[in-house]
Amino acid sequence: MKRCHLKTLSAIFVAGLTLAPLAALHAEPAQVTVSFADVNLSSPPGIATLYARLQGAAREVCGSEPQTREFTIHGAWARCVGAALDDAVAQIHSAELAALHAKRSGQRTPLLVAKASPGAR
């Protein structure tokens, strides 16, 4: 009897550890402003600089990277970072930035159109 009870408690404990960080990912989305007024978007080094800034901001918004052995949590974190980068790249309307993002993220086509906000029509 004790053995079954301990398994149930440990399963509940493990589920709590797994789901708590995921709940934070689905909370009100955080925002970070990335300035790129000082970046030349017509040059490859400028595009690379901006992309690095966007990657850092996406990681800041999504929180610190969990250990890769935590598959569920790491997968949710990676999707959060990917979605944040997709949104940021779409907002900038730069074909060169979109092409770099497509190349680095493995997308087939660059993302060029900003996603509409939920309330906008």
N, C-alpha and C. Protein backbone atom coordinates (compact mmCIF):
# COMPACT_ATOMS: atom_id res chain seq x y z
N MET A 1 0.81 -1.19 0.00
CA MET A 1 0.00 0.00 0.00
C MET A 1 0.86 1.25 0.00
N LYS A 2 1.87 1.29 0.85
CA LYS A 2 2.75 2.46 0.88
C LYS A 2 3.45 2.67 -0.45
N ARG A 3 3.81 1.60 -1.10
CA ARG A 3 4.53 1.70 -2.34
C ARG A 3 3.68 2.37 -3.42
N CYS A 4 2.46 1.98 -3.56
CA CYS A 4 1.54 2.59 -4.52
C CYS A 4 1.35 4.06 -4.20
N HIS A 5 1.17 4.35 -2.97
CA HIS A 5 0.95 5.73 -2.53
C HIS A 5 2.17 6.59 -2.86
N LEU A 6 3.35 6.10 -2.65
CA LEU A 6 4.56 6.85 -2.96
C LEU A 6 4.69 7.08 -4.46
N LYS A 7 4.34 6.11 -5.27
CA LYS A 7 4.39 6.29 -6.72
C LYS A 7 3.43 7.39 -7.16
N THR A 8 2.24 7.39 -6.57
CA THR A 8 1.27 8.41 -6.92
C THR A 8 1.79 9.79 -6.52
N LEU A 9 2.31 9.90 -5.33
CA LEU A 9 2.84 11.19 -4.89
C LEU A 9 4.02 11.64 -5.74
N SER A 10 4.90 10.71 -6.07
CA SER A 10 6.04 11.09 -6.89
C SER A 10 5.59 11.49 -8.29
N ALA A 11 4.56 10.82 -8.84
CA ALA A 11 4.06 11.19 -10.16
C ALA A 11 3.44 12.59 -10.12
N ILE A 12 2.70 12.89 -9.07
CA ILE A 12 2.12 14.23 -8.93
C ILE A 12 3.23 15.26 -8.78
N PHE A 13 4.25 14.95 -8.01
CA PHE A 13 5.37 15.87 -7.82
C PHE A 13 6.09 16.13 -9.14
N VAL A 14 6.37 15.08 -9.89
CA VAL A 14 7.05 15.22 -11.17
C VAL A 14 6.19 16.01 -12.15
N ALA A 15 4.89 15.75 -12.18
CA ALA A 15 3.99 16.50 -13.06
C ALA A 15 4.00 17.98 -12.68
N GLY A 16 4.02 18.27 -11.40
CA GLY A 16 4.08 19.66 -10.95
C GLY A 16 5.37 20.34 -11.39
N LEU A 17 6.47 19.64 -11.31
CA LEU A 17 7.74 20.21 -11.74
C LEU A 17 7.75 20.45 -13.24
N THR A 18 7.11 19.59 -13.99
CA THR A 18 7.09 19.71 -15.44
C THR A 18 6.16 20.82 -15.89
N LEU A 19 4.99 20.93 -15.30
CA LEU A 19 3.98 21.86 -15.77
C LEU A 19 4.16 23.28 -15.26
N ALA A 20 4.80 23.49 -14.13
CA ALA A 20 4.95 24.84 -13.59
C ALA A 20 5.69 25.76 -14.55
N PRO A 21 6.84 25.38 -15.12
CA PRO A 21 7.50 26.27 -16.07
C PRO A 21 6.69 26.48 -17.34
N LEU A 22 5.93 25.46 -17.76
CA LEU A 22 5.11 25.61 -18.95
C LEU A 22 3.98 26.61 -18.73
N ALA A 23 3.46 26.67 -17.54
CA ALA A 23 2.40 27.64 -17.23
C ALA A 23 2.94 29.05 -17.37
N ALA A 24 4.18 29.25 -16.99
CA ALA A 24 4.79 30.58 -17.12
C ALA A 24 4.93 30.98 -18.58
N LEU A 25 5.15 30.01 -19.46
CA LEU A 25 5.28 30.31 -20.88
C LEU A 25 3.95 30.76 -21.50
N HIS A 26 2.83 30.33 -20.89
CA HIS A 26 1.52 30.66 -21.43
C HIS A 26 0.88 31.85 -20.71
N ALA A 27 1.59 32.47 -19.81
CA ALA A 27 1.07 33.64 -19.11
C ALA A 27 1.07 34.83 -20.08
N GLU A 28 0.69 35.98 -19.60
CA GLU A 28 0.68 37.19 -20.42
C GLU A 28 2.04 37.36 -21.09
N PRO A 29 2.07 37.51 -22.41
CA PRO A 29 3.37 37.58 -23.10
C PRO A 29 4.17 38.81 -22.71
N ALA A 30 5.43 38.58 -22.44
CA ALA A 30 6.33 39.68 -22.12
C ALA A 30 6.78 40.33 -23.41
N GLN A 31 7.21 41.56 -23.32
CA GLN A 31 7.69 42.28 -24.50
C GLN A 31 9.03 42.92 -24.19
N VAL A 32 9.87 42.96 -25.19
CA VAL A 32 11.16 43.63 -25.11
C VAL A 32 11.27 44.49 -26.36
N THR A 33 11.70 45.73 -26.19
CA THR A 33 11.91 46.61 -27.34
C THR A 33 13.35 46.49 -27.79
N VAL A 34 13.54 46.28 -29.08
CA VAL A 34 14.88 46.16 -29.66
C VAL A 34 15.09 47.36 -30.57
N SER A 35 16.08 48.16 -30.24
CA SER A 35 16.39 49.32 -31.06
C SER A 35 17.35 48.91 -32.18
N PHE A 36 17.07 49.41 -33.38
CA PHE A 36 17.99 49.12 -34.48
C PHE A 36 18.21 50.36 -35.34
N ALA A 37 18.02 51.54 -34.74
CA ALA A 37 18.25 52.79 -35.46
C ALA A 37 19.72 52.94 -35.88
N ASP A 38 20.61 52.32 -35.13
CA ASP A 38 22.04 52.42 -35.40
C ASP A 38 22.55 51.34 -36.35
N VAL A 39 21.65 50.51 -36.88
CA VAL A 39 22.04 49.37 -37.70
C VAL A 39 21.74 49.66 -39.17
N ASN A 40 22.69 49.35 -40.03
CA ASN A 40 22.52 49.51 -41.47
C ASN A 40 21.87 48.24 -42.02
N LEU A 41 20.58 48.33 -42.33
CA LEU A 41 19.85 47.16 -42.81
C LEU A 41 20.12 46.82 -44.26
N SER A 42 20.96 47.60 -44.91
CA SER A 42 21.31 47.29 -46.30
C SER A 42 22.65 46.57 -46.40
N SER A 43 23.23 46.22 -45.26
CA SER A 43 24.50 45.50 -45.29
C SER A 43 24.38 44.18 -44.53
N PRO A 44 25.04 43.13 -45.01
CA PRO A 44 24.99 41.84 -44.31
C PRO A 44 25.45 41.91 -42.85
N PRO A 45 26.52 42.67 -42.53
CA PRO A 45 26.89 42.76 -41.10
C PRO A 45 25.80 43.44 -40.27
N GLY A 46 25.12 44.43 -40.84
CA GLY A 46 24.03 45.09 -40.12
C GLY A 46 22.87 44.15 -39.87
N ILE A 47 22.52 43.38 -40.87
CA ILE A 47 21.44 42.40 -40.74
C ILE A 47 21.80 41.37 -39.67
N ALA A 48 23.05 40.90 -39.68
CA ALA A 48 23.50 39.91 -38.70
C ALA A 48 23.47 40.50 -37.29
N THR A 49 23.85 41.76 -37.15
CA THR A 49 23.81 42.43 -35.85
C THR A 49 22.38 42.50 -35.32
N LEU A 50 21.47 42.92 -36.18
CA LEU A 50 20.07 43.02 -35.76
C LEU A 50 19.52 41.64 -35.41
N TYR A 51 19.83 40.64 -36.19
CA TYR A 51 19.33 39.29 -35.92
C TYR A 51 19.84 38.79 -34.56
N ALA A 52 21.10 39.08 -34.25
CA ALA A 52 21.65 38.68 -32.95
C ALA A 52 20.91 39.40 -31.82
N ARG A 53 20.58 40.66 -32.02
CA ARG A 53 19.81 41.41 -31.01
C ARG A 53 18.42 40.79 -30.83
N LEU A 54 17.79 40.42 -31.94
CA LEU A 54 16.46 39.82 -31.86
C LEU A 54 16.51 38.47 -31.16
N GLN A 55 17.55 37.69 -31.44
CA GLN A 55 17.69 36.40 -30.76
C GLN A 55 17.84 36.60 -29.25
N GLY A 56 18.65 37.57 -28.85
CA GLY A 56 18.83 37.85 -27.42
C GLY A 56 17.53 38.30 -26.77
N ALA A 57 16.77 39.13 -27.48
CA ALA A 57 15.49 39.60 -26.95
C ALA A 57 14.50 38.45 -26.84
N ALA A 58 14.48 37.56 -27.82
CA ALA A 58 13.57 36.41 -27.78
C ALA A 58 13.91 35.53 -26.58
N ARG A 59 15.18 35.34 -26.32
CA ARG A 59 15.59 34.53 -25.17
C ARG A 59 15.24 35.24 -23.86
N GLU A 60 15.32 36.55 -23.86
CA GLU A 60 14.95 37.31 -22.66
C GLU A 60 13.45 37.18 -22.39
N VAL A 61 12.66 37.27 -23.43
CA VAL A 61 11.21 37.17 -23.29
C VAL A 61 10.80 35.77 -22.83
N CYS A 62 11.45 34.75 -23.36
CA CYS A 62 11.06 33.37 -23.08
C CYS A 62 11.73 32.79 -21.83
N GLY A 63 12.67 33.50 -21.26
CA GLY A 63 13.33 33.02 -20.05
C GLY A 63 14.59 32.23 -20.37
N SER A 64 15.28 31.84 -19.34
CA SER A 64 16.54 31.14 -19.54
C SER A 64 16.29 29.75 -20.12
N GLU A 65 17.24 29.31 -20.92
CA GLU A 65 17.11 28.03 -21.61
C GLU A 65 17.19 26.89 -20.61
N PRO A 66 16.17 26.02 -20.59
CA PRO A 66 16.23 24.85 -19.70
C PRO A 66 17.23 23.84 -20.23
N GLN A 67 17.60 22.90 -19.39
CA GLN A 67 18.53 21.86 -19.82
C GLN A 67 17.87 21.02 -20.91
N THR A 68 18.67 20.60 -21.86
CA THR A 68 18.12 19.85 -23.00
C THR A 68 17.56 18.50 -22.58
N ARG A 69 17.98 17.97 -21.46
CA ARG A 69 17.43 16.67 -21.03
C ARG A 69 15.99 16.80 -20.54
N GLU A 70 15.53 18.01 -20.29
CA GLU A 70 14.14 18.26 -19.92
C GLU A 70 13.37 18.50 -21.21
N PHE A 71 13.07 17.42 -21.93
CA PHE A 71 12.55 17.48 -23.29
C PHE A 71 11.30 18.35 -23.42
N THR A 72 10.32 18.14 -22.58
CA THR A 72 9.05 18.86 -22.70
C THR A 72 9.25 20.35 -22.47
N ILE A 73 9.97 20.68 -21.44
CA ILE A 73 10.18 22.08 -21.11
C ILE A 73 11.08 22.74 -22.15
N HIS A 74 12.13 22.06 -22.57
CA HIS A 74 13.03 22.62 -23.57
C HIS A 74 12.31 22.82 -24.90
N GLY A 75 11.46 21.88 -25.27
CA GLY A 75 10.69 22.01 -26.51
C GLY A 75 9.76 23.22 -26.47
N ALA A 76 9.10 23.43 -25.34
CA ALA A 76 8.21 24.59 -25.20
C ALA A 76 9.01 25.88 -25.25
N TRP A 77 10.18 25.88 -24.64
CA TRP A 77 11.04 27.07 -24.66
C TRP A 77 11.50 27.36 -26.09
N ALA A 78 11.91 26.33 -26.81
CA ALA A 78 12.37 26.51 -28.19
C ALA A 78 11.25 27.04 -29.08
N ARG A 79 10.03 26.55 -28.88
CA ARG A 79 8.88 27.07 -29.65
C ARG A 79 8.61 28.52 -29.30
N CYS A 80 8.75 28.89 -28.05
CA CYS A 80 8.56 30.27 -27.62
C CYS A 80 9.58 31.18 -28.31
N VAL A 81 10.84 30.79 -28.30
CA VAL A 81 11.89 31.59 -28.94
C VAL A 81 11.64 31.69 -30.44
N GLY A 82 11.26 30.59 -31.06
CA GLY A 82 10.98 30.59 -32.50
C GLY A 82 9.83 31.53 -32.86
N ALA A 83 8.76 31.47 -32.08
CA ALA A 83 7.60 32.32 -32.34
C ALA A 83 7.95 33.79 -32.12
N ALA A 84 8.73 34.07 -31.08
CA ALA A 84 9.13 35.46 -30.81
C ALA A 84 9.99 35.99 -31.96
N LEU A 85 10.90 35.18 -32.46
CA LEU A 85 11.73 35.60 -33.60
C LEU A 85 10.89 35.78 -34.86
N ASP A 86 9.97 34.86 -35.11
CA ASP A 86 9.08 35.00 -36.26
C ASP A 86 8.34 36.34 -36.22
N ASP A 87 7.77 36.65 -35.06
CA ASP A 87 7.01 37.90 -34.91
C ASP A 87 7.90 39.12 -35.10
N ALA A 88 9.09 39.09 -34.50
CA ALA A 88 9.99 40.25 -34.58
C ALA A 88 10.46 40.47 -36.02
N VAL A 89 10.83 39.40 -36.69
CA VAL A 89 11.30 39.53 -38.07
C VAL A 89 10.18 40.06 -38.96
N ALA A 90 8.97 39.58 -38.76
CA ALA A 90 7.83 40.04 -39.56
C ALA A 90 7.56 41.52 -39.35
N GLN A 91 7.77 42.03 -38.14
CA GLN A 91 7.50 43.43 -37.84
C GLN A 91 8.49 44.38 -38.50
N ILE A 92 9.66 43.90 -38.84
CA ILE A 92 10.70 44.78 -39.37
C ILE A 92 10.58 44.99 -40.88
N HIS A 93 9.93 44.08 -41.59
CA HIS A 93 9.71 44.21 -43.04
C HIS A 93 11.00 44.37 -43.83
N SER A 94 11.96 43.53 -43.56
CA SER A 94 13.22 43.53 -44.30
C SER A 94 13.38 42.18 -44.97
N ALA A 95 13.47 42.18 -46.30
CA ALA A 95 13.63 40.94 -47.04
C ALA A 95 14.94 40.25 -46.67
N GLU A 96 15.99 41.03 -46.46
CA GLU A 96 17.30 40.45 -46.11
C GLU A 96 17.25 39.79 -44.73
N LEU A 97 16.60 40.46 -43.78
CA LEU A 97 16.47 39.88 -42.43
C LEU A 97 15.61 38.63 -42.48
N ALA A 98 14.53 38.68 -43.25
CA ALA A 98 13.65 37.52 -43.38
C ALA A 98 14.39 36.34 -44.00
N ALA A 99 15.23 36.62 -44.98
CA ALA A 99 16.01 35.55 -45.63
C ALA A 99 17.00 34.93 -44.64
N LEU A 100 17.66 35.77 -43.84
CA LEU A 100 18.60 35.25 -42.84
C LEU A 100 17.86 34.41 -41.81
N HIS A 101 16.72 34.89 -41.37
CA HIS A 101 15.92 34.14 -40.39
C HIS A 101 15.47 32.81 -40.97
N ALA A 102 15.01 32.81 -42.22
CA ALA A 102 14.58 31.57 -42.86
C ALA A 102 15.74 30.58 -42.93
N LYS A 103 16.91 31.07 -43.27
CA LYS A 103 18.09 30.21 -43.38
C LYS A 103 18.47 29.61 -42.03
N ARG A 104 18.49 30.45 -40.99
CA ARG A 104 18.92 29.98 -39.67
C ARG A 104 17.87 29.13 -38.96
N SER A 105 16.60 29.35 -39.27
CA SER A 105 15.55 28.60 -38.58
C SER A 105 15.09 27.39 -39.39
N GLY A 106 15.61 27.24 -40.60
CA GLY A 106 15.25 26.09 -41.42
C GLY A 106 13.92 26.24 -42.14
N GLN A 107 13.40 27.44 -42.22
CA GLN A 107 12.15 27.66 -42.94
C GLN A 107 12.43 27.65 -44.43
N ARG A 108 11.44 27.25 -45.21
CA ARG A 108 11.62 27.19 -46.66
C ARG A 108 11.50 28.56 -47.30
N THR A 109 10.59 29.38 -46.78
CA THR A 109 10.38 30.70 -47.37
C THR A 109 10.50 31.76 -46.30
N PRO A 110 11.05 32.91 -46.65
CA PRO A 110 11.16 34.00 -45.67
C PRO A 110 9.79 34.51 -45.25
N LEU A 111 9.71 34.92 -43.99
CA LEU A 111 8.50 35.48 -43.42
C LEU A 111 8.56 36.99 -43.59
N LEU A 112 7.71 37.55 -44.44
CA LEU A 112 7.81 38.97 -44.75
C LEU A 112 6.66 39.82 -44.23
N VAL A 113 5.53 39.23 -43.96
CA VAL A 113 4.36 40.00 -43.59
C VAL A 113 4.17 39.97 -42.09
N ALA A 114 3.95 41.14 -41.51
CA ALA A 114 3.70 41.20 -40.08
C ALA A 114 2.39 40.51 -39.77
N LYS A 115 2.37 39.78 -38.67
CA LYS A 115 1.14 39.13 -38.24
C LYS A 115 0.22 40.18 -37.64
N ALA A 116 -1.04 40.09 -37.96
CA ALA A 116 -2.01 41.05 -37.44
C ALA A 116 -2.23 40.78 -35.96
N SER A 117 -2.44 41.85 -35.20
CA SER A 117 -2.74 41.68 -33.79
C SER A 117 -4.14 41.10 -33.67
N PRO A 118 -4.44 40.39 -32.56
CA PRO A 118 -5.73 39.71 -32.42
C PRO A 118 -6.93 40.64 -32.59
N GLY A 119 -6.83 41.91 -32.18
CA GLY A 119 -7.95 42.81 -32.26
C GLY A 119 -8.03 43.57 -33.57
N ALA A 120 -6.98 43.55 -34.37
CA ALA A 120 -6.93 44.33 -35.61
C ALA A 120 -7.60 43.58 -36.75
N ARG A 121 -8.33 44.29 -37.59
CA ARG A 121 -8.95 43.69 -38.78
C ARG A 121 -8.95 44.67 -39.88
